[in-house]
Amino acid sequence: DAWFEESWQALMKNRTRFPLDDNVRNSAAWLAARALLRLDEAEKESMEALRLRPHQAAYLDTMAEIQFARGNREKAVEWSEKAITADSRATPLREQYFRFRKEPFPR
């Protein structure tokens, strides 16, 4: 948790310095989703990244990751489908889709 918090704070410092940097926002959201921490803040950062770059498949996948971290399989699959639609050639996105559909929720 300490490493996560240190990393989160560093990303937030960069976000404050570069508020239109969609990648920093998405990176923070992804980190939080994988750590199962700060999910409300992660969703806000993810939504802003998507506002800045609405059809970025990796960002759509991050939102799916957040929903999966929350235990919301239906929303995770919905966002994952959007990611695949945005980049149908990306094999990792398809792998994520099946993970969101079938695997147990993280703890």
Protein backbone atom coordinates (compact mmCIF):
# COMPACT_ATOMS: atom_id res chain seq x y z
CA ASP A 1 0.00 0.00 0.00
CA ALA A 2 2.88 2.37 0.74
CA TRP A 3 4.39 1.82 -2.72
CA PHE A 4 1.00 2.40 -4.32
CA GLU A 5 0.46 5.62 -2.40
CA GLU A 6 3.90 6.92 -3.29
CA SER A 7 3.29 6.10 -6.96
CA TRP A 8 -0.22 7.58 -6.88
CA GLN A 9 1.05 10.83 -5.38
CA ALA A 10 3.79 11.09 -8.01
CA LEU A 11 1.22 10.61 -10.77
CA MET A 12 -1.11 13.18 -9.19
CA LYS A 13 1.76 15.65 -9.02
CA ASN A 14 2.35 15.13 -12.76
CA ARG A 15 -1.38 15.39 -13.44
CA THR A 16 -1.50 18.73 -11.64
CA ARG A 17 1.49 19.95 -13.60
CA PHE A 18 0.10 18.65 -16.92
CA PRO A 19 -3.71 18.61 -16.56
CA LEU A 20 -4.32 17.81 -20.23
CA ASP A 21 -2.00 14.80 -20.26
CA ASP A 22 -4.43 11.96 -20.86
CA ASN A 23 -1.72 9.32 -20.46
CA VAL A 24 -0.85 10.38 -16.91
CA ARG A 25 -4.53 10.26 -15.96
CA ASN A 26 -5.00 6.83 -17.51
CA SER A 27 -1.83 5.50 -15.90
CA ALA A 28 -3.05 6.61 -12.48
CA ALA A 29 -6.45 5.02 -13.07
CA TRP A 30 -4.93 1.74 -14.23
CA LEU A 31 -2.55 1.62 -11.26
CA ALA A 32 -5.41 2.17 -8.81
CA ALA A 33 -7.59 -0.45 -10.50
CA ARG A 34 -4.86 -3.08 -10.36
CA ALA A 35 -4.08 -2.19 -6.72
CA LEU A 36 -7.81 -2.18 -5.81
CA LEU A 37 -7.32 1.21 -4.17
CA ARG A 38 -8.80 4.68 -4.72
CA LEU A 39 -11.33 3.33 -7.21
CA ASP A 40 -13.59 6.40 -7.07
CA GLU A 41 -10.66 8.65 -7.89
CA ALA A 42 -9.47 6.19 -10.52
CA GLU A 43 -12.83 6.37 -12.25
CA LYS A 44 -12.69 10.17 -12.31
CA GLU A 45 -9.19 10.10 -13.79
CA SER A 46 -10.25 7.49 -16.34
CA MET A 47 -13.30 9.52 -17.37
CA GLU A 48 -11.14 12.59 -17.88
CA ALA A 49 -8.61 10.62 -19.94
CA LEU A 50 -11.51 9.37 -22.07
CA ARG A 51 -12.88 12.89 -22.42
CA LEU A 52 -9.49 13.96 -23.75
CA ARG A 53 -9.09 10.89 -26.03
CA PRO A 54 -12.51 9.26 -26.36
CA HIS A 55 -11.65 6.37 -28.66
CA GLN A 56 -8.34 5.30 -27.14
CA ALA A 57 -8.74 1.53 -26.74
CA ALA A 58 -6.30 1.25 -23.85
CA TYR A 59 -8.22 3.90 -21.91
CA LEU A 60 -11.51 2.09 -22.53
CA ASP A 61 -9.82 -1.05 -21.22
CA THR A 62 -8.72 0.83 -18.09
CA MET A 63 -12.34 1.71 -17.37
CA ALA A 64 -13.19 -1.98 -17.78
CA GLU A 65 -10.40 -2.79 -15.30
CA ILE A 66 -11.87 -0.35 -12.78
CA GLN A 67 -15.31 -1.90 -13.09
CA PHE A 68 -13.83 -5.39 -12.71
CA ALA A 69 -11.96 -4.26 -9.59
CA ARG A 70 -15.31 -3.12 -8.19
CA GLY A 71 -16.86 -6.51 -8.89
CA ASN A 72 -19.13 -5.21 -11.64
CA ARG A 73 -18.75 -7.84 -14.33
CA GLU A 74 -21.51 -6.44 -16.55
CA LYS A 75 -19.92 -2.98 -16.73
CA ALA A 76 -16.42 -4.45 -17.11
CA VAL A 77 -17.54 -6.48 -20.13
CA GLU A 78 -19.40 -3.48 -21.57
CA TRP A 79 -16.30 -1.28 -21.40
CA SER A 80 -14.12 -4.10 -22.67
CA GLU A 81 -16.36 -4.48 -25.73
CA LYS A 82 -15.91 -0.75 -26.39
CA ALA A 83 -12.13 -1.23 -26.22
CA ILE A 84 -12.24 -4.09 -28.73
CA THR A 85 -14.45 -2.04 -31.03
CA ALA A 86 -11.95 0.82 -30.86
CA ASP A 87 -9.04 -1.48 -31.79
CA SER A 88 -10.18 -4.85 -33.08
CA ARG A 89 -6.60 -5.89 -33.91
CA ALA A 90 -5.32 -5.73 -30.32
CA THR A 91 -5.03 -9.29 -29.05
CA PRO A 92 -4.40 -8.22 -25.42
CA LEU A 93 -7.79 -6.47 -25.39
CA ARG A 94 -9.48 -9.70 -26.43
CA GLU A 95 -7.64 -11.56 -23.68
CA GLN A 96 -8.85 -8.96 -21.20
CA TYR A 97 -12.41 -9.37 -22.46
CA PHE A 98 -12.34 -13.09 -21.67
CA ARG A 99 -10.73 -12.39 -18.30
CA PHE A 100 -13.52 -9.97 -17.42
CA ARG A 101 -16.17 -12.45 -18.54
CA LYS A 102 -14.87 -15.58 -16.80
CA GLU A 103 -12.24 -15.04 -14.13
CA PRO A 104 -12.97 -14.47 -10.45
CA PHE A 105 -12.93 -10.92 -9.20
CA PRO A 106 -9.67 -9.69 -7.65
CA ARG A 107 -9.41 -9.41 -3.87
